[in-house]
Amino acid sequence: MTQPQKGSQRLTLALTAVRMGPALMLLVLVIVLSLLTPVFLSGRNLGNIGLESSVVALLALGQLLVIITAGIDLSVGSVIAFSSILGALWVRHTGIVDGWLIIPTMVLGGALAGAISGTLFVKGKLPHPFLATLAMMMVARGAALLISDGSPITGMPVAIQALGSKRILGVPVAVILVLVLAVLVHILLTRITWGQWIYAVGANKEGAKRVGIPVDRVLISVYVMSGFFAGVAGLVVSGQTNSAYPTAGMLLELSAIAAVIIGGASFFGGRGTVFGAMVGALILGVIQNGLNLLNVNPSWQYVALGTVVVLAVELDVVRQRLENRLKSARTEESKTGEAQPEPREAIAQEKEA
């Protein structure tokens, strides 16, 4: 084995270890917390972890689509508040008690916010979606505060409350909803042309344009989907609290971004999976639940979240460096292979000489 081949093999092993990191991290967390507190593995608590992770998981599904295109959506936390307040006001002014009719209102409100962000970024020719989604973050939060007069609206319909509290065979309805939507997004990304376009745009936007992919439409669509999932998350939050708060969803955009990056997606675009994003959301949920069970000061949870975000970004950088080095090593390996003849060829050349 040549030196380039050995180097390539070592880099491949290192990259595999980094890619398996999220699953291993989740496993270690579960083992450690189960040893520290026996309640952790109880069926009730596992259901609580799923319920606590559901909102971040929903946001992560939308954020995943955006990050695959090398974008970012900072508005989703504020969109949760906006869509929740929108739905609550609809209930107050119409007197609807079953709640089914307000679900489209909240979800479409989120999708509309995403459409505005995407259009502002694409059609406004902004250098980065950070600017468009930052603007929407402030607008949506301000709108939620204005239309609610800065006060929470209580008394959500039964259908909405079910999303936040009801369980089927011990499994929270919100968790079932997340699983169904996760499967649908996985199908969209792996079985539908639109999903292939998303990866292509994230990997090489100019190259995607040259082969005829409607890049602008793809970019706008992922922000619409991100807003849609923020609206769905707003439904779950409203169900959990039986109210709509204009301050709901604060900092959840960071949790969603961290979940996606921890799960193996890259800020550089072109990479990411639904499974990875869900593992990332579970890791954050397990950490939060474990800290609560251990009676850790809630303020430290923000410290933990910030630490996880930093580690997630650093993990992405390390992963990208390893991939670049592996590509270079394989290129060098192929050149060496071409330059040096195979043993049989070398023997034949010696005989001819």
Protein backbone atom coordinates (compact mmCIF):
# COMPACT_ATOMS: atom_id res chain seq x y z
CA MET A 1 0.00 0.00 0.00
CA THR A 2 1.45 3.37 -1.04
CA GLN A 3 1.75 6.35 1.28
CA PRO A 4 -1.11 8.25 -0.46
CA GLN A 5 -3.34 5.17 -0.05
CA LYS A 6 -2.54 4.99 3.68
CA GLY A 7 -3.32 8.68 4.06
CA SER A 8 -6.58 8.28 2.19
CA GLN A 9 -7.55 5.34 4.40
CA ARG A 10 -6.87 7.29 7.59
CA LEU A 11 -8.90 10.26 6.36
CA THR A 12 -11.78 7.97 5.40
CA LEU A 13 -11.83 6.48 8.91
CA ALA A 14 -11.70 9.94 10.50
CA LEU A 15 -14.53 11.20 8.29
CA THR A 16 -16.63 8.12 9.08
CA ALA A 17 -16.09 8.74 12.81
CA VAL A 18 -17.20 12.37 12.44
CA ARG A 19 -20.28 11.36 10.46
CA MET A 20 -21.22 8.77 13.09
CA GLY A 21 -20.62 11.33 15.83
CA PRO A 22 -24.27 12.43 16.27
CA ALA A 23 -25.60 8.88 16.72
CA LEU A 24 -22.77 8.04 19.11
CA MET A 25 -23.34 11.26 21.04
CA LEU A 26 -27.04 10.43 21.44
CA LEU A 27 -26.18 6.92 22.64
CA VAL A 28 -23.65 8.21 25.19
CA LEU A 29 -26.12 10.81 26.50
CA VAL A 30 -28.82 8.17 26.96
CA ILE A 31 -26.44 5.81 28.80
CA VAL A 32 -25.02 8.52 31.08
CA LEU A 33 -28.41 10.03 31.97
CA SER A 34 -29.97 6.62 32.57
CA LEU A 35 -27.20 5.95 35.10
CA LEU A 36 -27.53 9.35 36.76
CA THR A 37 -31.32 9.22 37.06
CA PRO A 38 -33.32 5.98 36.74
CA VAL A 39 -36.46 7.94 35.82
CA PHE A 40 -34.85 8.90 32.52
CA LEU A 41 -35.73 5.62 30.75
CA SER A 42 -39.30 5.43 32.03
CA GLY A 43 -41.96 5.32 29.34
CA ARG A 44 -43.52 8.53 30.58
CA ASN A 45 -40.24 10.43 30.46
CA LEU A 46 -39.34 9.11 27.01
CA GLY A 47 -42.71 10.43 25.84
CA ASN A 48 -41.87 13.77 27.44
CA ILE A 49 -38.55 13.86 25.57
CA GLY A 50 -40.39 13.27 22.31
CA LEU A 51 -42.90 16.00 23.16
CA GLU A 52 -40.17 18.46 24.18
CA SER A 53 -38.21 17.70 21.00
CA SER A 54 -41.20 17.90 18.65
CA VAL A 55 -41.18 21.67 18.13
CA VAL A 56 -37.45 21.81 17.37
CA ALA A 57 -37.82 18.72 15.15
CA LEU A 58 -40.56 20.41 13.11
CA LEU A 59 -38.47 23.54 12.68
CA ALA A 60 -35.46 21.37 11.80
CA LEU A 61 -37.37 19.77 8.91
CA GLY A 62 -37.85 23.17 7.32
CA GLN A 63 -34.41 24.43 8.29
CA LEU A 64 -32.87 21.32 6.72
CA LEU A 65 -34.30 22.19 3.30
CA VAL A 66 -32.96 25.73 3.59
CA ILE A 67 -29.49 24.71 4.81
CA ILE A 68 -29.11 22.12 2.03
CA THR A 69 -29.34 25.07 -0.40
CA ALA A 70 -26.55 26.81 1.61
CA GLY A 71 -29.09 29.17 3.17
CA ILE A 72 -30.36 29.91 6.67
CA ASP A 73 -33.72 30.95 8.11
CA LEU A 74 -33.54 33.09 11.23
CA SER A 75 -37.24 33.96 11.21
CA VAL A 76 -38.82 30.65 12.25
CA GLY A 77 -38.97 31.42 15.97
CA SER A 78 -40.80 34.69 15.33
CA VAL A 79 -43.04 33.01 12.75
CA ILE A 80 -44.17 30.58 15.47
CA ALA A 81 -45.38 33.55 17.53
CA PHE A 82 -46.96 35.28 14.52
CA SER A 83 -48.86 32.21 13.31
CA SER A 84 -49.97 31.33 16.86
CA ILE A 85 -51.36 34.81 17.50
CA LEU A 86 -53.00 34.81 14.06
CA GLY A 87 -54.79 31.55 14.84
CA ALA A 88 -55.79 32.62 18.35
CA LEU A 89 -57.31 35.87 17.07
CA TRP A 90 -59.21 33.87 14.45
CA VAL A 91 -60.71 31.79 17.26
CA ARG A 92 -61.57 34.86 19.32
CA HIS A 93 -63.34 36.67 16.49
CA THR A 94 -65.16 33.69 14.97
CA GLY A 95 -66.06 31.74 18.09
CA ILE A 96 -64.86 28.45 16.57
CA VAL A 97 -64.54 25.78 19.24
CA ASP A 98 -63.44 22.65 17.38
CA GLY A 99 -60.34 24.33 15.98
CA TRP A 100 -59.97 22.42 12.73
CA LEU A 101 -60.59 25.51 10.61
CA ILE A 102 -57.84 27.54 12.27
CA ILE A 103 -55.16 24.99 11.41
CA PRO A 104 -54.92 26.18 7.77
CA THR A 105 -54.86 29.78 9.02
CA MET A 106 -51.81 29.19 11.19
CA VAL A 107 -49.97 26.99 8.71
CA LEU A 108 -50.65 29.28 5.74
CA GLY A 109 -49.62 32.27 7.84
CA GLY A 110 -46.25 30.63 8.37
CA ALA A 111 -45.91 29.69 4.70
CA LEU A 112 -46.71 33.28 3.70
CA ALA A 113 -43.94 34.60 5.94
CA GLY A 114 -41.54 32.11 4.35
CA ALA A 115 -42.63 33.12 0.86
CA ILE A 116 -41.92 36.77 1.66
CA SER A 117 -38.46 35.91 3.02
CA GLY A 118 -37.60 33.77 0.00
CA THR A 119 -38.88 36.33 -2.50
CA LEU A 120 -37.03 39.15 -0.76
CA PHE A 121 -33.81 37.15 -0.89
CA VAL A 122 -34.12 35.93 -4.48
CA LYS A 123 -35.85 38.79 -6.27
CA GLY A 124 -34.19 41.44 -4.13
CA LYS A 125 -30.79 40.02 -5.17
CA LEU A 126 -29.60 40.08 -1.57
CA PRO A 127 -26.09 38.67 -1.06
CA HIS A 128 -27.24 36.21 1.61
CA PRO A 129 -30.60 34.97 3.01
CA PHE A 130 -29.36 35.99 6.46
CA LEU A 131 -30.47 39.55 5.68
CA ALA A 132 -33.95 38.65 4.40
CA THR A 133 -34.74 36.23 7.22
CA LEU A 134 -33.34 38.58 9.86
CA ALA A 135 -35.73 41.25 8.57
CA MET A 136 -38.63 38.78 8.64
CA MET A 137 -37.65 37.73 12.17
CA MET A 138 -38.13 41.31 13.37
CA VAL A 139 -41.24 41.97 11.27
CA ALA A 140 -43.01 38.77 12.38
CA ARG A 141 -42.17 39.36 16.04
CA GLY A 142 -43.31 42.96 15.81
CA ALA A 143 -46.54 41.96 14.05
CA ALA A 144 -47.26 39.35 16.75
CA LEU A 145 -46.79 41.98 19.46
CA LEU A 146 -48.91 44.56 17.65
CA ILE A 147 -51.93 42.43 16.80
CA SER A 148 -52.00 40.89 20.30
CA ASP A 149 -51.35 44.17 22.13
CA GLY A 150 -48.36 42.44 23.67
CA SER A 151 -50.52 40.07 25.71
CA PRO A 152 -51.04 36.29 25.50
CA ILE A 153 -54.33 34.93 24.19
CA THR A 154 -55.59 31.93 26.14
CA GLY A 155 -58.17 29.24 25.46
CA MET A 156 -57.20 27.28 22.35
CA PRO A 157 -59.67 24.91 20.65
CA VAL A 158 -59.75 21.22 21.59
CA ALA A 159 -58.14 20.12 18.32
CA ILE A 160 -55.13 22.33 18.99
CA GLN A 161 -54.84 21.24 22.60
CA ALA A 162 -54.74 17.62 21.42
CA LEU A 163 -51.55 18.33 19.47
CA GLY A 164 -49.84 19.45 22.64
CA SER A 165 -51.16 17.05 25.25
CA LYS A 166 -53.01 14.02 23.86
CA ARG A 167 -51.29 10.64 23.60
CA ILE A 168 -52.14 7.59 21.50
CA LEU A 169 -50.95 4.33 23.09
CA GLY A 170 -48.62 6.42 25.22
CA VAL A 171 -47.10 8.25 22.26
CA PRO A 172 -47.73 12.03 22.09
CA VAL A 173 -49.75 13.12 19.05
CA ALA A 174 -47.07 15.74 18.34
CA VAL A 175 -44.45 12.98 18.02
CA ILE A 176 -46.65 11.05 15.59
CA LEU A 177 -47.10 14.25 13.57
CA VAL A 178 -43.32 14.77 13.45
CA LEU A 179 -42.72 11.20 12.30
CA VAL A 180 -45.30 11.46 9.50
CA LEU A 181 -43.92 14.77 8.26
CA ALA A 182 -40.33 13.51 8.53
CA VAL A 183 -41.17 10.54 6.29
CA LEU A 184 -42.82 12.87 3.77
CA VAL A 185 -39.80 15.20 3.68
CA HIS A 186 -37.49 12.21 3.28
CA ILE A 187 -39.54 11.07 0.28
CA LEU A 188 -39.46 14.59 -1.17
CA LEU A 189 -35.68 14.74 -0.86
CA THR A 190 -34.89 11.24 -2.12
CA ARG A 191 -37.67 10.27 -4.52
CA ILE A 192 -38.84 13.52 -6.11
CA THR A 193 -37.05 15.65 -8.71
CA TRP A 194 -37.57 18.72 -6.54
CA GLY A 195 -35.42 17.11 -3.84
CA GLN A 196 -32.63 16.45 -6.32
CA TRP A 197 -32.83 20.08 -7.40
CA ILE A 198 -32.42 21.23 -3.79
CA TYR A 199 -29.18 19.26 -3.39
CA ALA A 200 -27.95 20.44 -6.80
CA VAL A 201 -28.59 24.11 -5.97
CA GLY A 202 -26.78 23.74 -2.65
CA ALA A 203 -23.80 21.98 -4.20
CA ASN A 204 -23.32 24.37 -7.14
CA LYS A 205 -25.83 27.10 -7.84
CA GLU A 206 -24.27 28.25 -11.09
CA GLY A 207 -23.90 24.69 -12.32
CA ALA A 208 -27.56 24.05 -11.50
CA LYS A 209 -28.56 27.06 -13.60
CA ARG A 210 -26.52 25.81 -16.54
CA VAL A 211 -28.33 22.46 -16.61
CA GLY A 212 -31.74 24.14 -16.58
CA ILE A 213 -32.77 23.86 -12.92
CA PRO A 214 -35.11 26.74 -11.93
CA VAL A 215 -32.84 27.93 -9.13
CA ASP A 216 -34.93 30.95 -8.10
CA ARG A 217 -38.10 28.88 -7.75
CA VAL A 218 -36.26 26.20 -5.80
CA LEU A 219 -34.82 28.76 -3.38
CA ILE A 220 -38.17 30.45 -2.79
CA SER A 221 -39.87 27.08 -2.30
CA VAL A 222 -37.55 25.98 0.52
CA TYR A 223 -38.29 29.17 2.47
CA VAL A 224 -42.01 28.61 1.93
CA MET A 225 -41.57 25.11 3.34
CA SER A 226 -39.56 26.45 6.27
CA GLY A 227 -42.37 28.90 7.05
CA PHE A 228 -44.91 26.08 6.67
CA PHE A 229 -43.12 23.98 9.28
CA ALA A 230 -42.84 27.01 11.57
CA GLY A 231 -46.63 27.35 11.29
CA VAL A 232 -47.07 23.67 12.19
CA ALA A 233 -44.70 24.17 15.12
CA GLY A 234 -46.88 27.10 16.17
CA LEU A 235 -49.84 24.72 16.34
CA VAL A 236 -47.93 22.39 18.67
CA VAL A 237 -46.69 25.23 20.89
CA SER A 238 -50.22 26.62 21.19
CA GLY A 239 -51.50 23.17 22.07
CA GLN A 240 -48.84 22.64 24.72
CA THR A 241 -49.55 25.96 26.46
CA ASN A 242 -53.26 26.26 25.57
CA SER A 243 -52.46 29.81 24.55
CA ALA A 244 -50.68 32.00 22.03
CA TYR A 245 -47.80 34.18 23.21
CA PRO A 246 -46.29 37.02 21.15
CA THR A 247 -42.94 36.07 22.70
CA ALA A 248 -43.23 32.36 21.81
CA GLY A 249 -40.44 30.67 19.87
CA MET A 250 -37.59 32.91 21.01
CA LEU A 251 -34.17 31.35 20.26
CA LEU A 252 -35.80 28.26 18.75
CA GLU A 253 -34.30 29.17 15.38
CA LEU A 254 -30.86 28.54 16.91
CA SER A 255 -31.98 25.18 18.26
CA ALA A 256 -33.30 24.18 14.83
CA ILE A 257 -30.09 25.25 13.10
CA ALA A 258 -28.01 23.40 15.70
CA ALA A 259 -30.11 20.24 15.26
CA VAL A 260 -29.61 20.25 11.49
CA ILE A 261 -25.86 20.89 11.67
CA ILE A 262 -25.34 18.34 14.46
CA GLY A 263 -27.17 15.86 12.24
CA GLY A 264 -24.62 16.16 9.46
CA ALA A 265 -25.86 18.96 7.22
CA SER A 266 -23.42 21.66 6.15
CA PHE A 267 -23.59 25.43 6.06
CA PHE A 268 -21.73 25.09 2.75
CA GLY A 269 -24.80 23.39 1.26
CA GLY A 270 -25.43 20.27 -0.78
CA ARG A 271 -25.59 17.87 2.15
CA GLY A 272 -28.04 16.82 4.87
CA THR A 273 -30.59 14.13 5.72
CA VAL A 274 -33.90 13.97 7.54
CA PHE A 275 -32.59 11.21 9.81
CA GLY A 276 -29.62 13.36 10.82
CA ALA A 277 -31.82 16.37 11.57
CA MET A 278 -34.12 14.24 13.75
CA VAL A 279 -31.12 12.82 15.64
CA GLY A 280 -29.89 16.37 16.19
CA ALA A 281 -33.28 17.44 17.55
CA LEU A 282 -33.33 14.41 19.86
CA ILE A 283 -29.87 15.25 21.18
CA LEU A 284 -31.03 18.73 22.15
CA GLY A 285 -34.21 17.32 23.69
CA VAL A 286 -32.29 14.72 25.70
CA ILE A 287 -29.88 17.38 27.00
CA GLN A 288 -32.73 19.66 28.06
CA ASN A 289 -34.68 16.82 29.67
CA GLY A 290 -31.61 15.51 31.47
CA LEU A 291 -30.77 18.92 32.89
CA ASN A 292 -34.34 19.26 34.15
CA LEU A 293 -34.28 15.84 35.81
CA LEU A 294 -30.96 16.69 37.47
CA ASN A 295 -32.45 19.97 38.76
CA VAL A 296 -29.85 22.05 36.97
CA ASN A 297 -30.47 25.81 37.02
CA PRO A 298 -32.53 26.69 33.87
CA SER A 299 -30.05 29.45 33.06
CA TRP A 300 -27.43 26.78 32.42
CA GLN A 301 -29.64 25.34 29.70
CA TYR A 302 -28.92 28.43 27.60
CA VAL A 303 -25.22 27.92 28.26
CA ALA A 304 -25.58 24.30 27.16
CA LEU A 305 -27.46 25.32 24.01
CA GLY A 306 -24.82 27.90 23.13
CA THR A 307 -22.08 25.33 23.65
CA VAL A 308 -23.87 22.82 21.44
CA VAL A 309 -24.31 25.44 18.69
CA VAL A 310 -20.58 26.23 18.77
CA LEU A 311 -19.68 22.54 18.70
CA ALA A 312 -22.10 21.97 15.82
CA VAL A 313 -20.52 24.73 13.74
CA GLU A 314 -17.01 23.48 14.54
CA LEU A 315 -18.06 19.93 13.65
CA ASP A 316 -19.26 21.20 10.27
CA VAL A 317 -15.92 22.93 9.65
CA VAL A 318 -13.95 19.82 10.64
CA ARG A 319 -16.13 17.64 8.43
CA GLN A 320 -15.63 19.97 5.47
CA ARG A 321 -11.84 20.03 5.98
CA LEU A 322 -11.68 16.24 6.15
CA GLU A 323 -13.72 15.92 2.95
CA ASN A 324 -11.47 18.39 1.13
CA ARG A 325 -8.33 16.59 2.33
CA LEU A 326 -9.80 13.23 1.33
CA LYS A 327 -10.54 14.53 -2.17
CA SER A 328 -6.97 15.81 -2.47
CA ALA A 329 -5.57 12.52 -1.16
CA ARG A 330 -7.61 10.49 -3.64
CA THR A 331 -6.51 12.75 -6.48
CA GLU A 332 -2.88 12.27 -5.44
CA GLU A 333 -3.49 8.54 -5.11
CA SER A 334 -4.89 8.31 -8.64
CA LYS A 335 -1.92 10.26 -10.01
CA THR A 336 0.50 7.95 -8.21
CA GLY A 337 -1.36 4.93 -9.52
CA GLU A 338 -1.09 6.20 -13.07
CA ALA A 339 2.59 7.06 -12.69
CA GLN A 340 3.60 3.69 -11.19
CA PRO A 341 2.93 0.55 -13.26
CA GLU A 342 1.30 -2.49 -11.71
CA PRO A 343 3.71 -5.28 -10.53
CA ARG A 344 2.88 -7.54 -13.49
CA GLU A 345 3.42 -4.67 -15.92
CA ALA A 346 6.75 -3.84 -14.24
CA ILE A 347 7.94 -7.47 -14.60
CA ALA A 348 6.90 -7.51 -18.25
CA GLN A 349 8.77 -4.28 -18.87
CA GLU A 350 11.92 -5.73 -17.24
CA LYS A 351 11.73 -8.88 -19.44
CA GLU A 352 11.35 -6.77 -22.58
CA ALA A 353 14.40 -4.74 -21.56
